């Protein structure tokens, strides 16, 4: 990678990180390119050069969030052990919610408000991804590796149960009387979700040493 290209990628990354923080704090309506630029330590024209508009930048932040989640399940194939794949998917997805709940809340708020900015991505990118992952689960079922379940409902269940700990963090902390969730909570919740979901699929959860 050339020095110029590396610099462009570094600037691009700084803008996206600053934008995620700003959108997370103020929402799309309250965020401004000027404040994002200040947070990134860059002139506002740099933001405009790379993204042209606040809407384009917002869409890119949302796309990156979804892509980061889906990477966890992207490489699974029909040859893999579904218990290992699904357990890892659940635990890493849950860790993301514990460690960067802001991303999940940005995405959830956009969808709740009608997915106006990410609608095309959901249809053109996420829908084909979902179909491909459903195909893998269906092959696991057909080859007797797991119980027959609705693959779409299974994926939605994993998304919802793990993202709950980000989207409803304030409620969870209020009800548990904690100031924040810690590593022990992550292990406990991960064990519980994996046990319930995998057993429901006719799978035995793998013995975990919790390295994730």
C-alpha atoms as a PDB file:
ATOM      1  CA  UNK A   1       0.000   0.000   0.000  1.00  0.00           C
ATOM      2  CA  UNK A   2       1.375   3.422  -0.960  1.00  0.00           C
ATOM      3  CA  UNK A   3       1.805   6.121   1.652  1.00  0.00           C
ATOM      4  CA  UNK A   4      -0.880   8.196  -0.044  1.00  0.00           C
ATOM      5  CA  UNK A   5      -3.358   5.324  -0.059  1.00  0.00           C
ATOM      6  CA  UNK A   6      -2.604   4.536   3.585  1.00  0.00           C
ATOM      7  CA  UNK A   7      -3.235   8.159   4.489  1.00  0.00           C
ATOM      8  CA  UNK A   8      -6.559   8.149   2.648  1.00  0.00           C
ATOM      9  CA  UNK A   9      -7.678   5.030   4.473  1.00  0.00           C
ATOM     10  CA  UNK A  10      -6.588   6.482   7.818  1.00  0.00           C
ATOM     11  CA  UNK A  11      -8.587   9.656   7.172  1.00  0.00           C
ATOM     12  CA  UNK A  12     -11.576   7.623   5.971  1.00  0.00           C
ATOM     13  CA  UNK A  13     -11.471   5.536   9.144  1.00  0.00           C
ATOM     14  CA  UNK A  14     -11.193   8.610  11.390  1.00  0.00           C
ATOM     15  CA  UNK A  15     -14.234  10.169   9.746  1.00  0.00           C
ATOM     16  CA  UNK A  16     -16.326   7.021  10.166  1.00  0.00           C
ATOM     17  CA  UNK A  17     -15.337   6.613  13.812  1.00  0.00           C
ATOM     18  CA  UNK A  18     -16.153  10.246  14.581  1.00  0.00           C
ATOM     19  CA  UNK A  19     -19.432   9.997  12.679  1.00  0.00           C
ATOM     20  CA  UNK A  20     -20.529   6.909  14.591  1.00  0.00           C
ATOM     21  CA  UNK A  21     -19.935   8.684  17.890  1.00  0.00           C
ATOM     22  CA  UNK A  22     -21.751  11.821  16.739  1.00  0.00           C
ATOM     23  CA  UNK A  23     -24.736   9.943  15.300  1.00  0.00           C
ATOM     24  CA  UNK A  24     -24.853   7.806  18.433  1.00  0.00           C
ATOM     25  CA  UNK A  25     -25.005  10.865  20.678  1.00  0.00           C
ATOM     26  CA  UNK A  26     -27.300  13.100  18.630  1.00  0.00           C
ATOM     27  CA  UNK A  27     -29.040  10.968  16.036  1.00  0.00           C
ATOM     28  CA  UNK A  28     -29.092  11.797  12.348  1.00  0.00           C
ATOM     29  CA  UNK A  29     -31.042  15.021  12.786  1.00  0.00           C
ATOM     30  CA  UNK A  30     -28.871  16.425  15.561  1.00  0.00           C
ATOM     31  CA  UNK A  31     -25.491  15.522  14.102  1.00  0.00           C
ATOM     32  CA  UNK A  32     -23.671  17.910  11.788  1.00  0.00           C
ATOM     33  CA  UNK A  33     -20.764  17.539   9.401  1.00  0.00           C
ATOM     34  CA  UNK A  34     -18.996  20.373  11.200  1.00  0.00           C
ATOM     35  CA  UNK A  35     -19.144  18.603  14.555  1.00  0.00           C
ATOM     36  CA  UNK A  36     -18.088  15.313  12.966  1.00  0.00           C
ATOM     37  CA  UNK A  37     -15.119  17.072  11.368  1.00  0.00           C
ATOM     38  CA  UNK A  38     -14.133  18.635  14.694  1.00  0.00           C
ATOM     39  CA  UNK A  39     -14.374  15.282  16.429  1.00  0.00           C
ATOM     40  CA  UNK A  40     -12.198  13.697  13.737  1.00  0.00           C
ATOM     41  CA  UNK A  41      -9.708  16.569  13.895  1.00  0.00           C
ATOM     42  CA  UNK A  42     -10.190  17.335  10.201  1.00  0.00           C
ATOM     43  CA  UNK A  43     -11.461  20.251   8.105  1.00  0.00           C
ATOM     44  CA  UNK A  44     -15.125  19.959   7.101  1.00  0.00           C
ATOM     45  CA  UNK A  45     -14.191  19.949   3.356  1.00  0.00           C
ATOM     46  CA  UNK A  46     -12.448  16.612   3.955  1.00  0.00           C
ATOM     47  CA  UNK A  47     -15.767  15.100   5.040  1.00  0.00           C
ATOM     48  CA  UNK A  48     -17.516  16.522   2.002  1.00  0.00           C
ATOM     49  CA  UNK A  49     -14.742  15.266  -0.292  1.00  0.00           C
ATOM     50  CA  UNK A  50     -15.083  11.675   0.880  1.00  0.00           C
ATOM     51  CA  UNK A  51     -18.830  11.443   1.465  1.00  0.00           C
ATOM     52  CA  UNK A  52     -20.462  14.460  -0.243  1.00  0.00           C
ATOM     53  CA  UNK A  53     -23.328  14.692   2.274  1.00  0.00           C
ATOM     54  CA  UNK A  54     -24.379  13.843   5.811  1.00  0.00           C
ATOM     55  CA  UNK A  55     -26.875  11.306   4.451  1.00  0.00           C
ATOM     56  CA  UNK A  56     -24.156   9.437   2.541  1.00  0.00           C
ATOM     57  CA  UNK A  57     -21.927   9.382   5.602  1.00  0.00           C
ATOM     58  CA  UNK A  58     -24.801   8.115   7.751  1.00  0.00           C
ATOM     59  CA  UNK A  59     -25.530   5.350   5.253  1.00  0.00           C
ATOM     60  CA  UNK A  60     -21.876   4.289   5.276  1.00  0.00           C
ATOM     61  CA  UNK A  61     -21.842   4.135   9.081  1.00  0.00           C
ATOM     62  CA  UNK A  62     -24.967   1.959   9.045  1.00  0.00           C
ATOM     63  CA  UNK A  63     -23.585  -0.309   6.325  1.00  0.00           C
ATOM     64  CA  UNK A  64     -20.338  -0.785   8.237  1.00  0.00           C
ATOM     65  CA  UNK A  65     -22.234  -1.716  11.392  1.00  0.00           C
ATOM     66  CA  UNK A  66     -24.270  -4.378   9.590  1.00  0.00           C
ATOM     67  CA  UNK A  67     -21.247  -5.724   7.728  1.00  0.00           C
ATOM     68  CA  UNK A  68     -19.341  -6.052  10.992  1.00  0.00           C
ATOM     69  CA  UNK A  69     -22.109  -8.192  12.438  1.00  0.00           C
ATOM     70  CA  UNK A  70     -22.480 -10.374   9.355  1.00  0.00           C
ATOM     71  CA  UNK A  71     -18.771 -11.104   9.087  1.00  0.00           C
ATOM     72  CA  UNK A  72     -19.270 -13.423  12.055  1.00  0.00           C
ATOM     73  CA  UNK A  73     -21.358 -15.849  10.006  1.00  0.00           C
ATOM     74  CA  UNK A  74     -20.062 -15.153   6.496  1.00  0.00           C
ATOM     75  CA  UNK A  75     -17.561 -17.970   6.210  1.00  0.00           C
ATOM     76  CA  UNK A  76     -19.754 -20.778   7.550  1.00  0.00           C
ATOM     77  CA  UNK A  77     -20.263 -23.671   5.137  1.00  0.00           C
ATOM     78  CA  UNK A  78     -22.319 -26.843   5.042  1.00  0.00           C
ATOM     79  CA  UNK A  79     -19.163 -28.774   5.993  1.00  0.00           C
ATOM     80  CA  UNK A  80     -18.800 -26.955   9.326  1.00  0.00           C
ATOM     81  CA  UNK A  81     -20.120 -28.093  12.696  1.00  0.00           C
ATOM     82  CA  UNK A  82     -23.263 -26.009  13.327  1.00  0.00           C
ATOM     83  CA  UNK A  83     -22.793 -26.171  17.095  1.00  0.00           C
ATOM     84  CA  UNK A  84     -19.360 -24.553  16.873  1.00  0.00           C
ATOM     85  CA  UNK A  85     -20.444 -21.984  14.273  1.00  0.00           C
ATOM     86  CA  UNK A  86     -23.624 -20.903  16.059  1.00  0.00           C
ATOM     87  CA  UNK A  87     -21.990 -20.827  19.494  1.00  0.00           C
ATOM     88  CA  UNK A  88     -19.237 -18.581  18.177  1.00  0.00           C
ATOM     89  CA  UNK A  89     -21.742 -16.404  16.323  1.00  0.00           C
ATOM     90  CA  UNK A  90     -23.756 -15.889  19.512  1.00  0.00           C
ATOM     91  CA  UNK A  91     -20.767 -15.166  21.733  1.00  0.00           C
ATOM     92  CA  UNK A  92     -18.966 -12.735  19.427  1.00  0.00           C
ATOM     93  CA  UNK A  93     -22.203 -10.941  18.572  1.00  0.00           C
ATOM     94  CA  UNK A  94     -22.927 -10.617  22.281  1.00  0.00           C
ATOM     95  CA  UNK A  95     -19.440  -9.273  22.976  1.00  0.00           C
ATOM     96  CA  UNK A  96     -19.967  -6.624  20.333  1.00  0.00           C
ATOM     97  CA  UNK A  97     -23.152  -5.562  22.104  1.00  0.00           C
ATOM     98  CA  UNK A  98     -21.370  -5.404  25.452  1.00  0.00           C
ATOM     99  CA  UNK A  99     -18.343  -3.511  24.164  1.00  0.00           C
ATOM    100  CA  UNK A 100     -19.875  -1.256  21.509  1.00  0.00           C
ATOM    101  CA  UNK A 101     -23.573  -0.910  22.215  1.00  0.00           C
ATOM    102  CA  UNK A 102     -23.627   2.449  20.476  1.00  0.00           C
ATOM    103  CA  UNK A 103     -23.412   0.784  17.052  1.00  0.00           C
ATOM    104  CA  UNK A 104     -26.392  -1.429  17.741  1.00  0.00           C
ATOM    105  CA  UNK A 105     -28.463   1.477  19.042  1.00  0.00           C
ATOM    106  CA  UNK A 106     -27.722   3.594  15.949  1.00  0.00           C
ATOM    107  CA  UNK A 107     -28.822   0.744  13.700  1.00  0.00           C
ATOM    108  CA  UNK A 108     -31.907  -0.049  15.787  1.00  0.00           C
ATOM    109  CA  UNK A 109     -33.044   3.572  15.825  1.00  0.00           C
ATOM    110  CA  UNK A 110     -32.713   3.811  12.042  1.00  0.00           C
ATOM    111  CA  UNK A 111     -34.812   0.673  11.543  1.00  0.00           C
ATOM    112  CA  UNK A 112     -37.423   1.741  14.106  1.00  0.00           C
ATOM    113  CA  UNK A 113     -37.829   5.015  12.244  1.00  0.00           C
ATOM    114  CA  UNK A 114     -38.556   3.188   8.995  1.00  0.00           C
ATOM    115  CA  UNK A 115     -35.100   2.408   7.574  1.00  0.00           C
ATOM    116  CA  UNK A 116     -35.290   5.439   5.271  1.00  0.00           C
ATOM    117  CA  UNK A 117     -31.521   5.690   4.837  1.00  0.00           C
ATOM    118  CA  UNK A 118     -30.634   2.023   4.882  1.00  0.00           C
ATOM    119  CA  UNK A 119     -33.604   0.543   3.045  1.00  0.00           C
ATOM    120  CA  UNK A 120     -31.665  -0.076  -0.168  1.00  0.00           C
ATOM    121  CA  UNK A 121     -28.865  -1.787   1.748  1.00  0.00           C
ATOM    122  CA  UNK A 122     -31.342  -4.069   3.528  1.00  0.00           C
ATOM    123  CA  UNK A 123     -32.876  -5.162   0.232  1.00  0.00           C
ATOM    124  CA  UNK A 124     -29.833  -5.251  -2.025  1.00  0.00           C
ATOM    125  CA  UNK A 125     -27.117  -6.479   0.352  1.00  0.00           C
ATOM    126  CA  UNK A 126     -28.553  -7.874   3.560  1.00  0.00           C
ATOM    127  CA  UNK A 127     -31.394  -9.826   1.954  1.00  0.00           C
ATOM    128  CA  UNK A 128     -29.040 -11.835  -0.338  1.00  0.00           C
ATOM    129  CA  UNK A 129     -26.728 -12.394   2.648  1.00  0.00           C
ATOM    130  CA  UNK A 130     -29.651 -13.742   4.673  1.00  0.00           C
ATOM    131  CA  UNK A 131     -30.663 -16.097   1.860  1.00  0.00           C
ATOM    132  CA  UNK A 132     -27.137 -17.469   1.594  1.00  0.00           C
ATOM    133  CA  UNK A 133     -26.956 -18.126   5.337  1.00  0.00           C
ATOM    134  CA  UNK A 134     -30.391 -19.742   5.299  1.00  0.00           C
ATOM    135  CA  UNK A 135     -29.034 -22.051   2.600  1.00  0.00           C
ATOM    136  CA  UNK A 136     -26.194 -23.183   4.865  1.00  0.00           C
ATOM    137  CA  UNK A 137     -28.571 -23.881   7.751  1.00  0.00           C
ATOM    138  CA  UNK A 138     -30.916 -25.797   5.442  1.00  0.00           C
ATOM    139  CA  UNK A 139     -27.994 -27.988   4.363  1.00  0.00           C
ATOM    140  CA  UNK A 140     -27.140 -28.661   8.003  1.00  0.00           C
ATOM    141  CA  UNK A 141     -30.748 -29.731   8.534  1.00  0.00           C
ATOM    142  CA  UNK A 142     -30.892 -31.886   5.376  1.00  0.00           C
ATOM    143  CA  UNK A 143     -27.693 -33.737   6.325  1.00  0.00           C
ATOM    144  CA  UNK A 144     -28.956 -34.423   9.840  1.00  0.00           C
ATOM    145  CA  UNK A 145     -26.484 -32.157  11.597  1.00  0.00           C
ATOM    146  CA  UNK A 146     -29.233 -30.295  13.440  1.00  0.00           C
ATOM    147  CA  UNK A 147     -32.957 -30.384  14.131  1.00  0.00           C
ATOM    148  CA  UNK A 148     -35.388 -28.920  11.623  1.00  0.00           C
ATOM    149  CA  UNK A 149     -36.032 -25.293  12.557  1.00  0.00           C
ATOM    150  CA  UNK A 150     -36.990 -22.147  10.670  1.00  0.00           C
ATOM    151  CA  UNK A 151     -33.570 -20.782   9.563  1.00  0.00           C
ATOM    152  CA  UNK A 152     -34.788 -17.185   9.228  1.00  0.00           C
ATOM    153  CA  UNK A 153     -36.359 -17.222  12.681  1.00  0.00           C
ATOM    154  CA  UNK A 154     -33.147 -18.712  14.097  1.00  0.00           C
ATOM    155  CA  UNK A 155     -30.993 -15.905  12.679  1.00  0.00           C
ATOM    156  CA  UNK A 156     -33.470 -13.262  13.831  1.00  0.00           C
ATOM    157  CA  UNK A 157     -33.456 -14.839  17.306  1.00  0.00           C
ATOM    158  CA  UNK A 158     -29.668 -14.648  17.548  1.00  0.00           C
ATOM    159  CA  UNK A 159     -29.712 -11.028  16.383  1.00  0.00           C
ATOM    160  CA  UNK A 160     -32.445 -10.016  18.813  1.00  0.00           C
ATOM    161  CA  UNK A 161     -31.190 -11.795  21.915  1.00  0.00           C
ATOM    162  CA  UNK A 162     -27.632 -10.531  21.549  1.00  0.00           C
ATOM    163  CA  UNK A 163     -28.506  -6.979  20.502  1.00  0.00           C
ATOM    164  CA  UNK A 164     -30.937  -6.666  23.407  1.00  0.00           C
ATOM    165  CA  UNK A 165     -27.947  -6.121  25.702  1.00  0.00           C
ATOM    166  CA  UNK A 166     -26.961  -3.058  23.666  1.00  0.00           C
ATOM    167  CA  UNK A 167     -30.320  -1.602  22.687  1.00  0.00           C
ATOM    168  CA  UNK A 168     -31.828  -1.954  26.173  1.00  0.00           C
ATOM    169  CA  UNK A 169     -28.664  -1.433  28.184  1.00  0.00           C
ATOM    170  CA  UNK A 170     -30.198   1.311  30.337  1.00  0.00           C
ATOM    171  CA  UNK A 171     -33.115  -0.928  31.294  1.00  0.00           C
ATOM    172  CA  UNK A 172     -30.851  -3.879  32.048  1.00  0.00           C
ATOM    173  CA  UNK A 173     -28.606  -1.806  34.299  1.00  0.00           C
ATOM    174  CA  UNK A 174     -31.593  -0.299  36.099  1.00  0.00           C
ATOM    175  CA  UNK A 175     -33.209  -3.677  36.721  1.00  0.00           C
ATOM    176  CA  UNK A 176     -30.021  -5.430  37.808  1.00  0.00           C
ATOM    177  CA  UNK A 177     -28.785  -2.522  39.925  1.00  0.00           C
ATOM    178  CA  UNK A 178     -25.422  -2.526  38.158  1.00  0.00           C
ATOM    179  CA  UNK A 179     -23.422   0.408  36.887  1.00  0.00           C
ATOM    180  CA  UNK A 180     -22.121  -1.626  33.972  1.00  0.00           C
ATOM    181  CA  UNK A 181     -21.983  -5.200  32.737  1.00  0.00           C
ATOM    182  CA  UNK A 182     -18.642  -6.960  33.061  1.00  0.00           C
ATOM    183  CA  UNK A 183     -16.786  -9.974  31.703  1.00  0.00           C
ATOM    184  CA  UNK A 184     -18.511 -12.315  34.147  1.00  0.00           C
ATOM    185  CA  UNK A 185     -21.889 -11.126  32.858  1.00  0.00           C
ATOM    186  CA  UNK A 186     -20.722 -11.666  29.283  1.00  0.00           C
ATOM    187  CA  UNK A 187     -19.747 -15.267  30.046  1.00  0.00           C
ATOM    188  CA  UNK A 188     -22.947 -15.955  31.999  1.00  0.00           C
ATOM    189  CA  UNK A 189     -25.257 -14.520  29.358  1.00  0.00           C
ATOM    190  CA  UNK A 190     -23.304 -16.158  26.537  1.00  0.00           C
ATOM    191  CA  UNK A 191     -23.543 -19.551  28.227  1.00  0.00           C
ATOM    192  CA  UNK A 192     -27.287 -19.115  28.744  1.00  0.00           C
ATOM    193  CA  UNK A 193     -28.069 -17.973  25.208  1.00  0.00           C
ATOM    194  CA  UNK A 194     -25.896 -20.647  23.631  1.00  0.00           C
ATOM    195  CA  UNK A 195     -27.448 -23.363  25.784  1.00  0.00           C
ATOM    196  CA  UNK A 196     -31.039 -22.371  25.022  1.00  0.00           C
ATOM    197  CA  UNK A 197     -30.608 -21.683  21.305  1.00  0.00           C
ATOM    198  CA  UNK A 198     -28.375 -24.642  20.481  1.00  0.00           C
ATOM    199  CA  UNK A 199     -30.425 -27.120  22.514  1.00  0.00           C
ATOM    200  CA  UNK A 200     -33.495 -25.870  20.671  1.00  0.00           C
ATOM    201  CA  UNK A 201     -31.733 -26.789  17.431  1.00  0.00           C
ATOM    202  CA  UNK A 202     -30.924 -30.261  18.723  1.00  0.00           C
ATOM    203  CA  UNK A 203     -27.268 -29.369  19.223  1.00  0.00           C
ATOM    204  CA  UNK A 204     -24.934 -29.845  22.144  1.00  0.00           C
ATOM    205  CA  UNK A 205     -23.163 -26.592  23.031  1.00  0.00           C
ATOM    206  CA  UNK A 206     -19.396 -26.980  22.707  1.00  0.00           C
ATOM    207  CA  UNK A 207     -17.281 -26.801  25.826  1.00  0.00           C
ATOM    208  CA  UNK A 208     -16.118 -23.208  25.937  1.00  0.00           C
ATOM    209  CA  UNK A 209     -13.033 -21.753  27.568  1.00  0.00           C
ATOM    210  CA  UNK A 210     -14.457 -18.292  26.802  1.00  0.00           C
ATOM    211  CA  UNK A 211     -11.565 -16.938  24.706  1.00  0.00           C
ATOM    212  CA  UNK A 212     -13.738 -14.512  22.743  1.00  0.00           C
END
